Amino acid sequence: MKGLTTEGLLKRLEKRPIIAAVRDPASNRRAIESPVAVISMISTSIFELDDMVKEAHDGGKAVLLHIDLAEGLGRDDAAVRWCVDRLGVDGLISTKPNLLRAAAELGVITVQRFFMVDSASLNHGKRLLKNTPPELVEVLPAIAPKGIRQLCEALDKPVIAGGLASEPRDVALALQAGARAVSTGEAGLWGYTL
């Protein structure tokens, strides 16, 4: 799977717009058995990551790792290199631009995570994200379609909606607002189709 491009990831998401957010080996196995094409590993442990990434790749899934939430990993260039070279992740998610710059230099997909908590943060995010190097933006929460629409209109980057999506209506509204995909830990949504 190493070498997956942003274009390749977006093609996968066109067919299956749900990203399975997993936290442990059990949820990873459920995601591998589901129809999703992309798995996002969040709040995982360094002791489990190697096996989880390998199993996901063996199951034909692309892997995005939220490096900020991975237990036991540093928050520096060496951790980024370890995730790319040793784990073979397809992309990294972070709130930290310096980690995403390091990941981009190593040729993996980069996703800037952004929290939209009020109109000031939305406006700040639109300004900040217009000129940042990450190829995709993950906006939280996924249940704020008006803000998602405004962000999608302001950026020339694909947007992933994440957080709090718990029913098909949440997914549909986020996609209608312009998100290319929705990341959720709700296993019942992993089979969602357009």
C-alpha atoms as a PDB file:
ATOM      1  CA  MET A   1       0.000   0.000   0.000  1.00  0.00           C
ATOM      2  CA  LYS A   2       2.992   2.325   0.528  1.00  0.00           C
ATOM      3  CA  GLY A   3       3.063   4.973  -2.135  1.00  0.00           C
ATOM      4  CA  LEU A   4      -0.668   5.666  -2.106  1.00  0.00           C
ATOM      5  CA  THR A   5      -1.237   9.145  -3.483  1.00  0.00           C
ATOM      6  CA  THR A   6      -3.807  11.686  -2.399  1.00  0.00           C
ATOM      7  CA  GLU A   7      -5.570  11.118  -5.720  1.00  0.00           C
ATOM      8  CA  GLY A   8      -5.630   7.378  -5.056  1.00  0.00           C
ATOM      9  CA  LEU A   9      -7.026   7.961  -1.576  1.00  0.00           C
ATOM     10  CA  LEU A  10      -9.748  10.255  -2.922  1.00  0.00           C
ATOM     11  CA  LYS A  11     -10.721   7.638  -5.520  1.00  0.00           C
ATOM     12  CA  ARG A  12     -11.118   5.100  -2.720  1.00  0.00           C
ATOM     13  CA  LEU A  13     -13.251   7.586  -0.779  1.00  0.00           C
ATOM     14  CA  GLU A  14     -15.447   8.283  -3.811  1.00  0.00           C
ATOM     15  CA  LYS A  15     -16.629   4.700  -3.678  1.00  0.00           C
ATOM     16  CA  ARG A  16     -16.654   4.391   0.119  1.00  0.00           C
ATOM     17  CA  PRO A  17     -16.900   7.825   1.813  1.00  0.00           C
ATOM     18  CA  ILE A  18     -16.568   6.463   5.349  1.00  0.00           C
ATOM     19  CA  ILE A  19     -13.223   6.284   7.131  1.00  0.00           C
ATOM     20  CA  ALA A  20     -13.230   3.807  10.008  1.00  0.00           C
ATOM     21  CA  ALA A  21     -11.702   5.427  13.098  1.00  0.00           C
ATOM     22  CA  VAL A  22     -10.162   2.641  15.196  1.00  0.00           C
ATOM     23  CA  ARG A  23      -8.547   2.689  18.621  1.00  0.00           C
ATOM     24  CA  ASP A  24      -7.409  -0.871  19.261  1.00  0.00           C
ATOM     25  CA  PRO A  25      -6.777  -4.227  17.567  1.00  0.00           C
ATOM     26  CA  ALA A  26     -10.402  -5.389  18.006  1.00  0.00           C
ATOM     27  CA  SER A  27     -11.905  -2.335  16.273  1.00  0.00           C
ATOM     28  CA  ASN A  28      -9.180  -2.574  13.631  1.00  0.00           C
ATOM     29  CA  ARG A  29     -10.235  -6.161  12.846  1.00  0.00           C
ATOM     30  CA  ARG A  30     -13.894  -5.062  12.590  1.00  0.00           C
ATOM     31  CA  ALA A  31     -12.881  -2.288  10.205  1.00  0.00           C
ATOM     32  CA  ILE A  32     -10.831  -4.698   8.084  1.00  0.00           C
ATOM     33  CA  GLU A  33     -13.883  -6.953   7.778  1.00  0.00           C
ATOM     34  CA  SER A  34     -16.108  -3.993   6.866  1.00  0.00           C
ATOM     35  CA  PRO A  35     -16.467  -2.453   3.399  1.00  0.00           C
ATOM     36  CA  VAL A  36     -14.486   0.723   4.247  1.00  0.00           C
ATOM     37  CA  ALA A  37     -11.439   1.436   2.101  1.00  0.00           C
ATOM     38  CA  VAL A  38      -9.599   3.643   4.603  1.00  0.00           C
ATOM     39  CA  ILE A  39      -8.823   3.202   8.292  1.00  0.00           C
ATOM     40  CA  SER A  40      -7.796   6.035  10.602  1.00  0.00           C
ATOM     41  CA  MET A  41      -5.869   4.879  13.648  1.00  0.00           C
ATOM     42  CA  ILE A  42      -6.474   7.124  16.659  1.00  0.00           C
ATOM     43  CA  SER A  43      -5.514   6.746  20.329  1.00  0.00           C
ATOM     44  CA  THR A  44      -3.469   3.673  19.528  1.00  0.00           C
ATOM     45  CA  SER A  45      -0.417   2.339  21.348  1.00  0.00           C
ATOM     46  CA  ILE A  46       3.047   2.051  19.903  1.00  0.00           C
ATOM     47  CA  PHE A  47       2.965  -1.587  21.057  1.00  0.00           C
ATOM     48  CA  GLU A  48       0.005  -2.395  18.792  1.00  0.00           C
ATOM     49  CA  LEU A  49       0.628  -0.178  15.780  1.00  0.00           C
ATOM     50  CA  ASP A  50       2.953  -2.444  13.822  1.00  0.00           C
ATOM     51  CA  ASP A  51       0.510  -5.363  13.812  1.00  0.00           C
ATOM     52  CA  MET A  52      -2.521  -3.119  13.248  1.00  0.00           C
ATOM     53  CA  VAL A  53      -1.003  -1.409  10.201  1.00  0.00           C
ATOM     54  CA  LYS A  54       0.191  -4.705   8.732  1.00  0.00           C
ATOM     55  CA  GLU A  55      -3.216  -6.349   9.232  1.00  0.00           C
ATOM     56  CA  ALA A  56      -5.010  -3.367   7.682  1.00  0.00           C
ATOM     57  CA  HIS A  57      -2.714  -3.379   4.649  1.00  0.00           C
ATOM     58  CA  ASP A  58      -3.044  -7.145   4.296  1.00  0.00           C
ATOM     59  CA  GLY A  59      -6.823  -6.564   4.300  1.00  0.00           C
ATOM     60  CA  GLY A  60      -6.506  -4.074   1.435  1.00  0.00           C
ATOM     61  CA  LYS A  61      -7.148  -0.964   3.526  1.00  0.00           C
ATOM     62  CA  ALA A  62      -5.307   2.346   3.372  1.00  0.00           C
ATOM     63  CA  VAL A  63      -4.033   3.553   6.754  1.00  0.00           C
ATOM     64  CA  LEU A  64      -3.978   7.084   8.107  1.00  0.00           C
ATOM     65  CA  LEU A  65      -2.377   7.438  11.547  1.00  0.00           C
ATOM     66  CA  HIS A  66      -3.209  10.274  13.911  1.00  0.00           C
ATOM     67  CA  ILE A  67       0.316  10.783  15.204  1.00  0.00           C
ATOM     68  CA  ASP A  68      -0.699  13.268  17.922  1.00  0.00           C
ATOM     69  CA  LEU A  69      -2.851  10.638  19.636  1.00  0.00           C
ATOM     70  CA  ALA A  70      -0.552   7.619  19.276  1.00  0.00           C
ATOM     71  CA  GLU A  71       0.638   6.614  22.750  1.00  0.00           C
ATOM     72  CA  GLY A  72       4.393   6.224  23.102  1.00  0.00           C
ATOM     73  CA  LEU A  73       5.370   8.227  20.029  1.00  0.00           C
ATOM     74  CA  GLY A  74       7.310  11.443  20.213  1.00  0.00           C
ATOM     75  CA  ARG A  75       5.993  14.526  18.485  1.00  0.00           C
ATOM     76  CA  ASP A  76       9.006  15.151  16.297  1.00  0.00           C
ATOM     77  CA  ASP A  77      10.544  14.387  12.907  1.00  0.00           C
ATOM     78  CA  ALA A  78      11.996  11.080  14.166  1.00  0.00           C
ATOM     79  CA  ALA A  79       8.503   9.835  15.100  1.00  0.00           C
ATOM     80  CA  VAL A  80       7.224  10.841  11.665  1.00  0.00           C
ATOM     81  CA  ARG A  81      10.070   8.978   9.949  1.00  0.00           C
ATOM     82  CA  TRP A  82       9.428   5.894  12.129  1.00  0.00           C
ATOM     83  CA  CYS A  83       5.730   5.892  11.214  1.00  0.00           C
ATOM     84  CA  VAL A  84       6.499   6.176   7.509  1.00  0.00           C
ATOM     85  CA  ASP A  85       9.598   3.970   7.210  1.00  0.00           C
ATOM     86  CA  ARG A  86       8.911   1.309   9.851  1.00  0.00           C
ATOM     87  CA  LEU A  87       5.126   1.161   9.968  1.00  0.00           C
ATOM     88  CA  GLY A  88       4.506   1.988   6.317  1.00  0.00           C
ATOM     89  CA  VAL A  89       1.470   4.185   6.959  1.00  0.00           C
ATOM     90  CA  ASP A  90      -0.124   5.768   3.909  1.00  0.00           C
ATOM     91  CA  GLY A  91      -0.633   9.091   5.621  1.00  0.00           C
ATOM     92  CA  LEU A  92      -0.422  11.040   8.841  1.00  0.00           C
ATOM     93  CA  ILE A  93      -3.031  13.150  10.578  1.00  0.00           C
ATOM     94  CA  SER A  94      -1.936  15.911  12.945  1.00  0.00           C
ATOM     95  CA  THR A  95      -2.839  19.304  14.337  1.00  0.00           C
ATOM     96  CA  LYS A  96       0.851  20.225  14.141  1.00  0.00           C
ATOM     97  CA  PRO A  97       2.042  21.717  10.831  1.00  0.00           C
ATOM     98  CA  ASN A  98       5.707  20.865  11.538  1.00  0.00           C
ATOM     99  CA  LEU A  99       4.891  17.137  11.718  1.00  0.00           C
ATOM    100  CA  LEU A 100       2.904  17.332   8.502  1.00  0.00           C
ATOM    101  CA  ARG A 101       5.752  19.133   6.726  1.00  0.00           C
ATOM    102  CA  ALA A 102       8.099  16.307   7.758  1.00  0.00           C
ATOM    103  CA  ALA A 103       5.568  13.728   6.529  1.00  0.00           C
ATOM    104  CA  ALA A 104       5.147  15.542   3.203  1.00  0.00           C
ATOM    105  CA  GLU A 105       8.913  15.462   2.696  1.00  0.00           C
ATOM    106  CA  LEU A 106       8.746  11.676   3.099  1.00  0.00           C
ATOM    107  CA  GLY A 107       6.057  11.447   0.425  1.00  0.00           C
ATOM    108  CA  VAL A 108       3.018  10.352   2.434  1.00  0.00           C
ATOM    109  CA  ILE A 109      -0.470  11.838   2.500  1.00  0.00           C
ATOM    110  CA  THR A 110      -0.879  14.646   5.014  1.00  0.00           C
ATOM    111  CA  VAL A 111      -4.101  15.555   6.816  1.00  0.00           C
ATOM    112  CA  GLN A 112      -4.370  18.679   8.978  1.00  0.00           C
ATOM    113  CA  ARG A 113      -6.887  18.164  11.787  1.00  0.00           C
ATOM    114  CA  PHE A 114      -8.848  21.295  12.630  1.00  0.00           C
ATOM    115  CA  PHE A 115     -11.371  21.899  15.419  1.00  0.00           C
ATOM    116  CA  MET A 116     -14.274  24.171  14.534  1.00  0.00           C
ATOM    117  CA  VAL A 117     -15.688  25.305  17.867  1.00  0.00           C
ATOM    118  CA  ASP A 118     -17.080  28.736  17.007  1.00  0.00           C
ATOM    119  CA  SER A 119     -17.148  31.323  14.218  1.00  0.00           C
ATOM    120  CA  ALA A 120     -13.792  32.767  15.274  1.00  0.00           C
ATOM    121  CA  SER A 121     -12.090  29.372  15.010  1.00  0.00           C
ATOM    122  CA  LEU A 122     -13.785  28.755  11.654  1.00  0.00           C
ATOM    123  CA  ASN A 123     -12.532  32.081  10.273  1.00  0.00           C
ATOM    124  CA  HIS A 124      -9.052  31.529  11.693  1.00  0.00           C
ATOM    125  CA  GLY A 125      -8.996  28.036  10.208  1.00  0.00           C
ATOM    126  CA  LYS A 126     -10.015  29.269   6.764  1.00  0.00           C
ATOM    127  CA  ARG A 127      -7.142  31.772   6.770  1.00  0.00           C
ATOM    128  CA  LEU A 128      -4.606  29.354   8.213  1.00  0.00           C
ATOM    129  CA  LEU A 129      -5.485  26.353   6.063  1.00  0.00           C
ATOM    130  CA  LYS A 130      -5.558  28.182   2.721  1.00  0.00           C
ATOM    131  CA  ASN A 131      -1.788  28.240   2.528  1.00  0.00           C
ATOM    132  CA  THR A 132      -0.687  25.214   4.521  1.00  0.00           C
ATOM    133  CA  PRO A 133       1.082  22.254   2.974  1.00  0.00           C
ATOM    134  CA  PRO A 134      -1.286  19.428   4.029  1.00  0.00           C
ATOM    135  CA  GLU A 135      -3.193  17.893   1.159  1.00  0.00           C
ATOM    136  CA  LEU A 136      -6.406  17.278   3.102  1.00  0.00           C
ATOM    137  CA  VAL A 137      -8.163  18.844   6.046  1.00  0.00           C
ATOM    138  CA  GLU A 138     -10.101  16.953   8.699  1.00  0.00           C
ATOM    139  CA  VAL A 139     -12.646  19.220  10.358  1.00  0.00           C
ATOM    140  CA  LEU A 140     -14.323  18.379  13.640  1.00  0.00           C
ATOM    141  CA  PRO A 141     -17.144  17.999  14.442  1.00  0.00           C
ATOM    142  CA  ALA A 142     -18.756  16.259  11.488  1.00  0.00           C
ATOM    143  CA  ILE A 143     -22.199  17.318  12.691  1.00  0.00           C
ATOM    144  CA  ALA A 144     -21.724  20.994  11.756  1.00  0.00           C
ATOM    145  CA  PRO A 145     -22.730  21.038   8.075  1.00  0.00           C
ATOM    146  CA  LYS A 146     -22.959  24.831   7.800  1.00  0.00           C
ATOM    147  CA  GLY A 147     -19.357  25.221   8.981  1.00  0.00           C
ATOM    148  CA  ILE A 148     -18.212  22.329   6.801  1.00  0.00           C
ATOM    149  CA  ARG A 149     -19.781  24.002   3.764  1.00  0.00           C
ATOM    150  CA  GLN A 150     -18.086  27.326   4.551  1.00  0.00           C
ATOM    151  CA  LEU A 151     -14.725  25.631   4.993  1.00  0.00           C
ATOM    152  CA  CYS A 152     -15.098  23.630   1.770  1.00  0.00           C
ATOM    153  CA  GLU A 153     -15.962  26.803  -0.143  1.00  0.00           C
ATOM    154  CA  ALA A 154     -12.949  28.656   1.308  1.00  0.00           C
ATOM    155  CA  LEU A 155     -10.324  25.968   0.664  1.00  0.00           C
ATOM    156  CA  ASP A 156      -8.962  24.282  -2.420  1.00  0.00           C
ATOM    157  CA  LYS A 157      -8.248  21.107  -0.428  1.00  0.00           C
ATOM    158  CA  PRO A 158     -10.484  18.090   0.114  1.00  0.00           C
ATOM    159  CA  VAL A 159     -12.195  18.094   3.500  1.00  0.00           C
ATOM    160  CA  ILE A 160     -12.878  15.101   5.743  1.00  0.00           C
ATOM    161  CA  ALA A 161     -15.510  15.550   8.457  1.00  0.00           C
ATOM    162  CA  GLY A 162     -14.819  13.770  11.729  1.00  0.00           C
ATOM    163  CA  GLY A 163     -16.173  13.434  15.210  1.00  0.00           C
ATOM    164  CA  LEU A 164     -19.660  12.887  16.623  1.00  0.00           C
ATOM    165  CA  ALA A 165     -21.163  11.345  13.479  1.00  0.00           C
ATOM    166  CA  SER A 166     -23.365   8.638  14.941  1.00  0.00           C
ATOM    167  CA  GLU A 167     -26.156   8.051  12.436  1.00  0.00           C
ATOM    168  CA  PRO A 168     -26.586   7.947   8.646  1.00  0.00           C
ATOM    169  CA  ARG A 169     -28.178  11.422   8.618  1.00  0.00           C
ATOM    170  CA  ASP A 170     -24.971  12.905  10.108  1.00  0.00           C
ATOM    171  CA  VAL A 171     -22.946  11.337   7.307  1.00  0.00           C
ATOM    172  CA  ALA A 172     -25.368  12.443   4.598  1.00  0.00           C
ATOM    173  CA  LEU A 173     -25.427  16.050   5.833  1.00  0.00           C
ATOM    174  CA  ALA A 174     -21.626  16.252   6.058  1.00  0.00           C
ATOM    175  CA  LEU A 175     -21.244  14.867   2.520  1.00  0.00           C
ATOM    176  CA  GLN A 176     -23.962  17.197   1.191  1.00  0.00           C
ATOM    177  CA  ALA A 177     -22.080  20.094   2.782  1.00  0.00           C
ATOM    178  CA  GLY A 178     -19.049  19.232   0.649  1.00  0.00           C
ATOM    179  CA  ALA A 179     -16.977  16.851   2.762  1.00  0.00           C
ATOM    180  CA  ARG A 180     -15.318  14.137   0.687  1.00  0.00           C
ATOM    181  CA  ALA A 181     -15.538  11.611   3.518  1.00  0.00           C
ATOM    182  CA  VAL A 182     -16.634  11.180   7.123  1.00  0.00           C
ATOM    183  CA  SER A 183     -14.399   9.622   9.761  1.00  0.00           C
ATOM    184  CA  THR A 184     -16.280   7.785  12.497  1.00  0.00           C
ATOM    185  CA  GLY A 185     -15.716   5.218  15.175  1.00  0.00           C
ATOM    186  CA  GLU A 186     -19.355   4.088  14.881  1.00  0.00           C
ATOM    187  CA  ALA A 187     -18.950   0.615  13.377  1.00  0.00           C
ATOM    188  CA  GLY A 188     -22.620   0.638  12.342  1.00  0.00           C
ATOM    189  CA  LEU A 189     -21.806   3.402   9.839  1.00  0.00           C
ATOM    190  CA  TRP A 190     -18.815   1.682   8.243  1.00  0.00           C
ATOM    191  CA  GLY A 191     -21.069   0.064   5.641  1.00  0.00           C
ATOM    192  CA  TYR A 192     -22.667   3.406   4.651  1.00  0.00           C
ATOM    193  CA  THR A 193     -23.060   3.887   0.919  1.00  0.00           C
ATOM    194  CA  LEU A 194     -24.242   6.846  -1.102  1.00  0.00           C
END
